[in-house]
Amino acid sequence: PVRMPTLQWISPLSFSPGLFATGALIAIFFFWGW
């Protein structure tokens, strides 16, 4: 792979509050519409 998948990709400890908010606001767009 271009990047080797690791558990850090989905670890809550990898996020700061600001980083989580930034990613979540964009990710919400993925799910909107249901």
PDB file of all heavy atoms in Angstrom:
ATOM      1  N   PRO A   1       0.814  -1.222   0.000  1.00  0.00           N
ATOM      2  CA  PRO A   1       0.000   0.000   0.000  1.00  0.00           C
ATOM      3  C   PRO A   1       0.844   1.266   0.000  1.00  0.00           C
ATOM      4  O   PRO A   1       2.004   1.256   0.427  1.00  0.00           O
ATOM      5  CB  PRO A   1      -0.790  -0.119   1.304  1.00  0.00           C
ATOM      6  CG  PRO A   1       0.106  -0.895   2.209  1.00  0.00           C
ATOM      7  CD  PRO A   1       0.812  -1.879   1.318  1.00  0.00           C
ATOM      8  N   VAL A   2       0.259   2.347  -0.467  1.00  0.00           N
ATOM      9  CA  VAL A   2       0.922   3.655  -0.377  1.00  0.00           C
ATOM     10  C   VAL A   2       1.113   4.022   1.089  1.00  0.00           C
ATOM     11  O   VAL A   2       2.140   4.563   1.490  1.00  0.00           O
ATOM     12  CB  VAL A   2       0.090   4.731  -1.105  1.00  0.00           C
ATOM     13  CG1 VAL A   2       0.656   6.129  -0.844  1.00  0.00           C
ATOM     14  CG2 VAL A   2       0.044   4.441  -2.601  1.00  0.00           C
ATOM     15  N   ARG A   3       0.126   3.724   1.909  1.00  0.00           N
ATOM     16  CA  ARG A   3       0.208   3.908   3.363  1.00  0.00           C
ATOM     17  C   ARG A   3      -0.216   2.598   4.020  1.00  0.00           C
ATOM     18  O   ARG A   3      -1.229   2.019   3.640  1.00  0.00           O
ATOM     19  CB  ARG A   3      -0.722   5.030   3.851  1.00  0.00           C
ATOM     20  CG  ARG A   3      -0.468   6.393   3.235  1.00  0.00           C
ATOM     21  CD  ARG A   3      -1.570   7.361   3.664  1.00  0.00           C
ATOM     22  NE  ARG A   3      -1.503   8.632   2.970  1.00  0.00           N
ATOM     23  CZ  ARG A   3      -1.964   8.857   1.737  1.00  0.00           C
ATOM     24  NH1 ARG A   3      -2.526   7.850   1.071  1.00  0.00           N
ATOM     25  NH2 ARG A   3      -1.862  10.043   1.172  1.00  0.00           N
ATOM     26  N   MET A   4       0.527   2.157   4.992  1.00  0.00           N
ATOM     27  CA  MET A   4       0.180   0.914   5.689  1.00  0.00           C
ATOM     28  C   MET A   4      -0.903   1.184   6.728  1.00  0.00           C
ATOM     29  O   MET A   4      -0.709   2.000   7.640  1.00  0.00           O
ATOM     30  CB  MET A   4       1.417   0.340   6.388  1.00  0.00           C
ATOM     31  CG  MET A   4       1.152  -0.969   7.119  1.00  0.00           C
ATOM     32  SD  MET A   4       0.609  -2.307   6.008  1.00  0.00           S
ATOM     33  CE  MET A   4       2.130  -2.575   5.078  1.00  0.00           C
ATOM     34  N   PRO A   5      -2.065   0.557   6.612  1.00  0.00           N
ATOM     35  CA  PRO A   5      -3.131   0.775   7.594  1.00  0.00           C
ATOM     36  C   PRO A   5      -2.701   0.375   9.002  1.00  0.00           C
ATOM     37  O   PRO A   5      -2.053  -0.655   9.195  1.00  0.00           O
ATOM     38  CB  PRO A   5      -4.262  -0.140   7.085  1.00  0.00           C
ATOM     39  CG  PRO A   5      -3.971  -0.346   5.634  1.00  0.00           C
ATOM     40  CD  PRO A   5      -2.484  -0.345   5.518  1.00  0.00           C
ATOM     41  N   THR A   6      -3.052   1.195   9.983  1.00  0.00           N
ATOM     42  CA  THR A   6      -2.768   0.903  11.386  1.00  0.00           C
ATOM     43  C   THR A   6      -3.992   1.249  12.225  1.00  0.00           C
ATOM     44  O   THR A   6      -4.888   1.979  11.776  1.00  0.00           O
ATOM     45  CB  THR A   6      -1.563   1.719  11.908  1.00  0.00           C
ATOM     46  OG1 THR A   6      -1.936   3.104  11.995  1.00  0.00           O
ATOM     47  CG2 THR A   6      -0.362   1.582  10.987  1.00  0.00           C
ATOM     48  N   LEU A   7      -3.992   0.741  13.466  1.00  0.00           N
ATOM     49  CA  LEU A   7      -5.095   1.033  14.373  1.00  0.00           C
ATOM     50  C   LEU A   7      -5.128   2.506  14.776  1.00  0.00           C
ATOM     51  O   LEU A   7      -6.163   3.006  15.244  1.00  0.00           O
ATOM     52  CB  LEU A   7      -4.987   0.153  15.627  1.00  0.00           C
ATOM     53  CG  LEU A   7      -5.282  -1.340  15.422  1.00  0.00           C
ATOM     54  CD1 LEU A   7      -5.063  -2.104  16.722  1.00  0.00           C
ATOM     55  CD2 LEU A   7      -6.710  -1.550  14.917  1.00  0.00           C
ATOM     56  N   GLN A   8      -4.002   3.220  14.606  1.00  0.00           N
ATOM     57  CA  GLN A   8      -3.970   4.648  14.924  1.00  0.00           C
ATOM     58  C   GLN A   8      -4.939   5.444  14.057  1.00  0.00           C
ATOM     59  O   GLN A   8      -5.383   6.526  14.447  1.00  0.00           O
ATOM     60  CB  GLN A   8      -2.559   5.199  14.768  1.00  0.00           C
ATOM     61  CG  GLN A   8      -1.598   4.715  15.844  1.00  0.00           C
ATOM     62  CD  GLN A   8      -0.236   5.366  15.727  1.00  0.00           C
ATOM     63  OE1 GLN A   8       0.171   5.787  14.640  1.00  0.00           O
ATOM     64  NE2 GLN A   8       0.483   5.449  16.839  1.00  0.00           N
ATOM     65  N   TRP A   9      -5.262   4.920  12.872  1.00  0.00           N
ATOM     66  CA  TRP A   9      -6.198   5.601  11.974  1.00  0.00           C
ATOM     67  C   TRP A   9      -7.582   5.745  12.607  1.00  0.00           C
ATOM     68  O   TRP A   9      -8.318   6.671  12.274  1.00  0.00           O
ATOM     69  CB  TRP A   9      -6.329   4.848  10.658  1.00  0.00           C
ATOM     70  CG  TRP A   9      -5.120   4.919   9.776  1.00  0.00           C
ATOM     71  CD1 TRP A   9      -3.894   5.417  10.096  1.00  0.00           C
ATOM     72  CD2 TRP A   9      -5.026   4.469   8.426  1.00  0.00           C
ATOM     73  NE1 TRP A   9      -3.035   5.296   9.032  1.00  0.00           N
ATOM     74  CE2 TRP A   9      -3.704   4.715   7.992  1.00  0.00           C
ATOM     75  CE3 TRP A   9      -5.912   3.867   7.543  1.00  0.00           C
ATOM     76  CZ2 TRP A   9      -3.260   4.395   6.707  1.00  0.00           C
ATOM     77  CZ3 TRP A   9      -5.478   3.535   6.269  1.00  0.00           C
ATOM     78  CH2 TRP A   9      -4.160   3.805   5.856  1.00  0.00           C
ATOM     79  N   ILE A  10      -7.921   4.806  13.505  1.00  0.00           N
ATOM     80  CA  ILE A  10      -9.266   4.826  14.102  1.00  0.00           C
ATOM     81  C   ILE A  10      -9.210   4.935  15.624  1.00  0.00           C
ATOM     82  O   ILE A  10     -10.217   4.712  16.294  1.00  0.00           O
ATOM     83  CB  ILE A  10     -10.080   3.579  13.705  1.00  0.00           C
ATOM     84  CG1 ILE A  10      -9.351   2.300  14.118  1.00  0.00           C
ATOM     85  CG2 ILE A  10     -10.380   3.578  12.207  1.00  0.00           C
ATOM     86  CD1 ILE A  10     -10.170   1.029  13.923  1.00  0.00           C
ATOM     87  N   SER A  11      -8.049   5.296  16.167  1.00  0.00           N
ATOM     88  CA  SER A  11      -7.926   5.421  17.619  1.00  0.00           C
ATOM     89  C   SER A  11      -8.416   6.788  18.087  1.00  0.00           C
ATOM     90  O   SER A  11      -7.961   7.819  17.582  1.00  0.00           O
ATOM     91  CB  SER A  11      -6.472   5.232  18.044  1.00  0.00           C
ATOM     92  OG  SER A  11      -6.311   5.553  19.416  1.00  0.00           O
ATOM     93  N   PRO A  12      -9.310   6.833  19.066  1.00  0.00           N
ATOM     94  CA  PRO A  12      -9.756   8.136  19.603  1.00  0.00           C
ATOM     95  C   PRO A  12      -8.604   8.946  20.184  1.00  0.00           C
ATOM     96  O   PRO A  12      -8.655  10.182  20.204  1.00  0.00           O
ATOM     97  CB  PRO A  12     -10.756   7.730  20.701  1.00  0.00           C
ATOM     98  CG  PRO A  12     -11.197   6.354  20.345  1.00  0.00           C
ATOM     99  CD  PRO A  12     -10.020   5.714  19.692  1.00  0.00           C
ATOM    100  N   LEU A  13      -7.554   8.259  20.647  1.00  0.00           N
ATOM    101  CA  LEU A  13      -6.413   8.944  21.246  1.00  0.00           C
ATOM    102  C   LEU A  13      -5.585   9.709  20.215  1.00  0.00           C
ATOM    103  O   LEU A  13      -4.746  10.542  20.584  1.00  0.00           O
ATOM    104  CB  LEU A  13      -5.516   7.928  21.975  1.00  0.00           C
ATOM    105  CG  LEU A  13      -6.185   7.151  23.125  1.00  0.00           C
ATOM    106  CD1 LEU A  13      -5.209   6.128  23.718  1.00  0.00           C
ATOM    107  CD2 LEU A  13      -6.678   8.104  24.201  1.00  0.00           C
ATOM    108  N   SER A  14      -5.807   9.431  18.938  1.00  0.00           N
ATOM    109  CA  SER A  14      -5.062  10.120  17.884  1.00  0.00           C
ATOM    110  C   SER A  14      -5.593  11.521  17.614  1.00  0.00           C
ATOM    111  O   SER A  14      -4.947  12.312  16.922  1.00  0.00           O
ATOM    112  CB  SER A  14      -5.114   9.301  16.584  1.00  0.00           C
ATOM    113  OG  SER A  14      -4.551   8.018  16.773  1.00  0.00           O
ATOM    114  N   PHE A  15      -6.767  11.824  18.155  1.00  0.00           N
ATOM    115  CA  PHE A  15      -7.424  13.098  17.855  1.00  0.00           C
ATOM    116  C   PHE A  15      -7.261  14.092  18.988  1.00  0.00           C
ATOM    117  O   PHE A  15      -7.357  13.734  20.164  1.00  0.00           O
ATOM    118  CB  PHE A  15      -8.927  12.886  17.622  1.00  0.00           C
ATOM    119  CG  PHE A  15      -9.267  12.160  16.363  1.00  0.00           C
ATOM    120  CD1 PHE A  15      -9.346  10.774  16.351  1.00  0.00           C
ATOM    121  CD2 PHE A  15      -9.524  12.855  15.192  1.00  0.00           C
ATOM    122  CE1 PHE A  15      -9.675  10.092  15.191  1.00  0.00           C
ATOM    123  CE2 PHE A  15      -9.856  12.184  14.028  1.00  0.00           C
ATOM    124  CZ  PHE A  15      -9.925  10.804  14.022  1.00  0.00           C
ATOM    125  N   SER A  16      -7.024  15.350  18.636  1.00  0.00           N
ATOM    126  CA  SER A  16      -7.218  16.462  19.555  1.00  0.00           C
ATOM    127  C   SER A  16      -8.648  16.964  19.336  1.00  0.00           C
ATOM    128  O   SER A  16      -9.257  16.659  18.306  1.00  0.00           O
ATOM    129  CB  SER A  16      -6.225  17.584  19.265  1.00  0.00           C
ATOM    130  OG  SER A  16      -6.482  18.146  17.980  1.00  0.00           O
ATOM    131  N   PRO A  17      -9.203  17.740  20.274  1.00  0.00           N
ATOM    132  CA  PRO A  17     -10.568  18.253  20.060  1.00  0.00           C
ATOM    133  C   PRO A  17     -10.710  19.039  18.757  1.00  0.00           C
ATOM    134  O   PRO A  17     -11.703  18.881  18.032  1.00  0.00           O
ATOM    135  CB  PRO A  17     -10.796  19.149  21.284  1.00  0.00           C
ATOM    136  CG  PRO A  17      -9.933  18.564  22.338  1.00  0.00           C
ATOM    137  CD  PRO A  17      -8.704  18.069  21.621  1.00  0.00           C
ATOM    138  N   GLY A  18      -9.712  19.879  18.457  1.00  0.00           N
ATOM    139  CA  GLY A  18      -9.773  20.674  17.233  1.00  0.00           C
ATOM    140  C   GLY A  18      -9.701  19.817  15.984  1.00  0.00           C
ATOM    141  O   GLY A  18     -10.433  20.044  15.011  1.00  0.00           O
ATOM    142  N   LEU A  19      -8.829  18.813  16.009  1.00  0.00           N
ATOM    143  CA  LEU A  19      -8.680  17.926  14.853  1.00  0.00           C
ATOM    144  C   LEU A  19      -9.939  17.108  14.636  1.00  0.00           C
ATOM    145  O   LEU A  19     -10.386  16.905  13.499  1.00  0.00           O
ATOM    146  CB  LEU A  19      -7.473  16.997  15.081  1.00  0.00           C
ATOM    147  CG  LEU A  19      -6.816  16.379  13.841  1.00  0.00           C
ATOM    148  CD1 LEU A  19      -6.283  17.464  12.913  1.00  0.00           C
ATOM    149  CD2 LEU A  19      -5.682  15.450  14.263  1.00  0.00           C
ATOM    150  N   PHE A  20     -10.538  16.676  15.739  1.00  0.00           N
ATOM    151  CA  PHE A  20     -11.776  15.914  15.626  1.00  0.00           C
ATOM    152  C   PHE A  20     -12.891  16.762  15.039  1.00  0.00           C
ATOM    153  O   PHE A  20     -13.641  16.314  14.166  1.00  0.00           O
ATOM    154  CB  PHE A  20     -12.204  15.381  16.993  1.00  0.00           C
ATOM    155  CG  PHE A  20     -13.499  14.621  16.954  1.00  0.00           C
ATOM    156  CD1 PHE A  20     -13.533  13.305  16.530  1.00  0.00           C
ATOM    157  CD2 PHE A  20     -14.697  15.226  17.318  1.00  0.00           C
ATOM    158  CE1 PHE A  20     -14.729  12.604  16.477  1.00  0.00           C
ATOM    159  CE2 PHE A  20     -15.891  14.537  17.279  1.00  0.00           C
ATOM    160  CZ  PHE A  20     -15.908  13.219  16.853  1.00  0.00           C
ATOM    161  N   ALA A  21     -13.003  18.001  15.516  1.00  0.00           N
ATOM    162  CA  ALA A  21     -14.059  18.892  15.025  1.00  0.00           C
ATOM    163  C   ALA A  21     -13.884  19.174  13.540  1.00  0.00           C
ATOM    164  O   ALA A  21     -14.854  19.169  12.776  1.00  0.00           O
ATOM    165  CB  ALA A  21     -14.049  20.199  15.809  1.00  0.00           C
ATOM    166  N   THR A  22     -12.634  19.407  13.123  1.00  0.00           N
ATOM    167  CA  THR A  22     -12.370  19.697  11.712  1.00  0.00           C
ATOM    168  C   THR A  22     -12.742  18.509  10.830  1.00  0.00           C
ATOM    169  O   THR A  22     -13.433  18.666   9.813  1.00  0.00           O
ATOM    170  CB  THR A  22     -10.883  20.037  11.510  1.00  0.00           C
ATOM    171  OG1 THR A  22     -10.557  21.173  12.313  1.00  0.00           O
ATOM    172  CG2 THR A  22     -10.599  20.354  10.046  1.00  0.00           C
ATOM    173  N   GLY A  23     -12.292  17.323  11.227  1.00  0.00           N
ATOM    174  CA  GLY A  23     -12.592  16.139  10.428  1.00  0.00           C
ATOM    175  C   GLY A  23     -14.060  15.785  10.443  1.00  0.00           C
ATOM    176  O   GLY A  23     -14.635  15.399   9.417  1.00  0.00           O
ATOM    177  N   ALA A  24     -14.699  15.946  11.603  1.00  0.00           N
ATOM    178  CA  ALA A  24     -16.101  15.567  11.735  1.00  0.00           C
ATOM    179  C   ALA A  24     -17.018  16.458  10.908  1.00  0.00           C
ATOM    180  O   ALA A  24     -17.999  15.983  10.332  1.00  0.00           O
ATOM    181  CB  ALA A  24     -16.521  15.602  13.202  1.00  0.00           C
ATOM    182  N   LEU A  25     -16.703  17.761  10.847  1.00  0.00           N
ATOM    183  CA  LEU A  25     -17.558  18.667  10.083  1.00  0.00           C
ATOM    184  C   LEU A  25     -17.587  18.279   8.609  1.00  0.00           C
ATOM    185  O   LEU A  25     -18.631  18.316   7.960  1.00  0.00           O
ATOM    186  CB  LEU A  25     -17.075  20.118  10.218  1.00  0.00           C
ATOM    187  CG  LEU A  25     -17.997  21.153   9.558  1.00  0.00           C
ATOM    188  CD1 LEU A  25     -19.281  21.303  10.367  1.00  0.00           C
ATOM    189  CD2 LEU A  25     -17.308  22.504   9.423  1.00  0.00           C
ATOM    190  N   ILE A  26     -16.431  17.866   8.092  1.00  0.00           N
ATOM    191  CA  ILE A  26     -16.372  17.429   6.696  1.00  0.00           C
ATOM    192  C   ILE A  26     -17.009  16.054   6.560  1.00  0.00           C
ATOM    193  O   ILE A  26     -17.747  15.780   5.607  1.00  0.00           O
ATOM    194  CB  ILE A  26     -14.911  17.403   6.194  1.00  0.00           C
ATOM    195  CG1 ILE A  26     -14.278  18.793   6.336  1.00  0.00           C
ATOM    196  CG2 ILE A  26     -14.856  16.950   4.737  1.00  0.00           C
ATOM    197  CD1 ILE A  26     -12.789  18.822   6.048  1.00  0.00           C
ATOM    198  N   ALA A  27     -16.742  15.170   7.533  1.00  0.00           N
ATOM    199  CA  ALA A  27     -17.274  13.807   7.459  1.00  0.00           C
ATOM    200  C   ALA A  27     -18.793  13.786   7.528  1.00  0.00           C
ATOM    201  O   ALA A  27     -19.431  12.896   6.960  1.00  0.00           O
ATOM    202  CB  ALA A  27     -16.688  12.961   8.592  1.00  0.00           C
ATOM    203  N   ILE A  28     -19.372  14.766   8.227  1.00  0.00           N
ATOM    204  CA  ILE A  28     -20.837  14.838   8.297  1.00  0.00           C
ATOM    205  C   ILE A  28     -21.440  14.926   6.896  1.00  0.00           C
ATOM    206  O   ILE A  28     -22.501  14.370   6.613  1.00  0.00           O
ATOM    207  CB  ILE A  28     -21.274  16.044   9.160  1.00  0.00           C
ATOM    208  CG1 ILE A  28     -21.148  15.687  10.638  1.00  0.00           C
ATOM    209  CG2 ILE A  28     -22.711  16.474   8.860  1.00  0.00           C
ATOM    210  CD1 ILE A  28     -21.394  16.835  11.571  1.00  0.00           C
ATOM    211  N   PHE A  29     -20.717  15.619   6.001  1.00  0.00           N
ATOM    212  CA  PHE A  29     -21.190  15.762   4.622  1.00  0.00           C
ATOM    213  C   PHE A  29     -21.305  14.405   3.938  1.00  0.00           C
ATOM    214  O   PHE A  29     -22.159  14.207   3.072  1.00  0.00           O
ATOM    215  CB  PHE A  29     -20.234  16.682   3.859  1.00  0.00           C
ATOM    216  CG  PHE A  29     -20.743  17.105   2.516  1.00  0.00           C
ATOM    217  CD1 PHE A  29     -21.647  18.143   2.393  1.00  0.00           C
ATOM    218  CD2 PHE A  29     -20.319  16.469   1.358  1.00  0.00           C
ATOM    219  CE1 PHE A  29     -22.123  18.541   1.150  1.00  0.00           C
ATOM    220  CE2 PHE A  29     -20.778  16.860   0.111  1.00  0.00           C
ATOM    221  CZ  PHE A  29     -21.683  17.900   0.014  1.00  0.00           C
ATOM    222  N   PHE A  30     -20.433  13.441   4.324  1.00  0.00           N
ATOM    223  CA  PHE A  30     -20.518  12.094   3.768  1.00  0.00           C
ATOM    224  C   PHE A  30     -21.895  11.484   4.045  1.00  0.00           C
ATOM    225  O   PHE A  30     -22.488  10.850   3.180  1.00  0.00           O
ATOM    226  CB  PHE A  30     -19.458  11.189   4.411  1.00  0.00           C
ATOM    227  CG  PHE A  30     -18.091  11.251   3.790  1.00  0.00           C
ATOM    228  CD1 PHE A  30     -17.151  12.152   4.238  1.00  0.00           C
ATOM    229  CD2 PHE A  30     -17.737  10.394   2.765  1.00  0.00           C
ATOM    230  CE1 PHE A  30     -15.884  12.204   3.694  1.00  0.00           C
ATOM    231  CE2 PHE A  30     -16.476  10.430   2.199  1.00  0.00           C
ATOM    232  CZ  PHE A  30     -15.547  11.347   2.669  1.00  0.00           C
ATOM    233  N   PHE A  31     -22.360  11.656   5.283  1.00  0.00           N
ATOM    234  CA  PHE A  31     -23.553  10.928   5.726  1.00  0.00           C
ATOM    235  C   PHE A  31     -24.854  11.667   5.499  1.00  0.00           C
ATOM    236  O   PHE A  31     -25.928  11.077   5.616  1.00  0.00           O
ATOM    237  CB  PHE A  31     -23.416  10.588   7.217  1.00  0.00           C
ATOM    238  CG  PHE A  31     -22.351   9.581   7.500  1.00  0.00           C
ATOM    239  CD1 PHE A  31     -21.095   9.977   7.931  1.00  0.00           C
ATOM    240  CD2 PHE A  31     -22.589   8.229   7.308  1.00  0.00           C
ATOM    241  CE1 PHE A  31     -20.101   9.047   8.190  1.00  0.00           C
ATOM    242  CE2 PHE A  31     -21.599   7.295   7.558  1.00  0.00           C
ATOM    243  CZ  PHE A  31     -20.355   7.711   7.997  1.00  0.00           C
ATOM    244  N   TRP A  32     -24.781  12.952   5.220  1.00  0.00           N
ATOM    245  CA  TRP A  32     -26.028  13.704   5.072  1.00  0.00           C
ATOM    246  C   TRP A  32     -26.846  13.220   3.880  1.00  0.00           C
ATOM    247  O   TRP A  32     -26.295  12.895   2.830  1.00  0.00           O
ATOM    248  CB  TRP A  32     -25.705  15.191   4.887  1.00  0.00           C
ATOM    249  CG  TRP A  32     -26.922  16.042   4.807  1.00  0.00           C
ATOM    250  CD1 TRP A  32     -27.983  16.047   5.658  1.00  0.00           C
ATOM    251  CD2 TRP A  32     -27.209  17.040   3.825  1.00  0.00           C
ATOM    252  NE1 TRP A  32     -28.914  16.989   5.275  1.00  0.00           N
ATOM    253  CE2 TRP A  32     -28.454  17.604   4.149  1.00  0.00           C
ATOM    254  CE3 TRP A  32     -26.523  17.517   2.706  1.00  0.00           C
ATOM    255  CZ2 TRP A  32     -29.033  18.620   3.393  1.00  0.00           C
ATOM    256  CZ3 TRP A  32     -27.092  18.511   1.953  1.00  0.00           C
ATOM    257  CH2 TRP A  32     -28.331  19.063   2.295  1.00  0.00           C
ATOM    258  N   GLY A  33     -28.142  13.160   4.046  1.00  0.00           N
ATOM    259  CA  GLY A  33     -29.037  12.807   2.953  1.00  0.00           C
ATOM    260  C   GLY A  33     -29.916  11.612   3.249  1.00  0.00           C
ATOM    261  O   GLY A  33     -30.970  11.437   2.627  1.00  0.00           O
ATOM    262  N   TRP A  34     -29.498  10.769   4.233  1.00  0.00           N
ATOM    263  CA  TRP A  34     -30.312   9.594   4.559  1.00  0.00           C
ATOM    264  C   TRP A  34     -31.704   9.996   5.048  1.00  0.00           C
ATOM    265  O   TRP A  34     -32.667   9.228   4.899  1.00  0.00           O
ATOM    266  CB  TRP A  34     -29.626   8.750   5.641  1.00  0.00           C
ATOM    267  CG  TRP A  34     -29.388   9.521   6.908  1.00  0.00           C
ATOM    268  CD1 TRP A  34     -28.258  10.185   7.249  1.00  0.00           C
ATOM    269  CD2 TRP A  34     -30.319   9.743   7.973  1.00  0.00           C
ATOM    270  NE1 TRP A  34     -28.410  10.805   8.470  1.00  0.00           N
ATOM    271  CE2 TRP A  34     -29.673  10.551   8.929  1.00  0.00           C
ATOM    272  CE3 TRP A  34     -31.638   9.338   8.214  1.00  0.00           C
ATOM    273  CZ2 TRP A  34     -30.291  10.966  10.112  1.00  0.00           C
ATOM    274  CZ3 TRP A  34     -32.255   9.748   9.388  1.00  0.00           C
ATOM    275  CH2 TRP A  34     -31.587  10.552  10.323  1.00  0.00           C
TER     276      TRP A  34
END
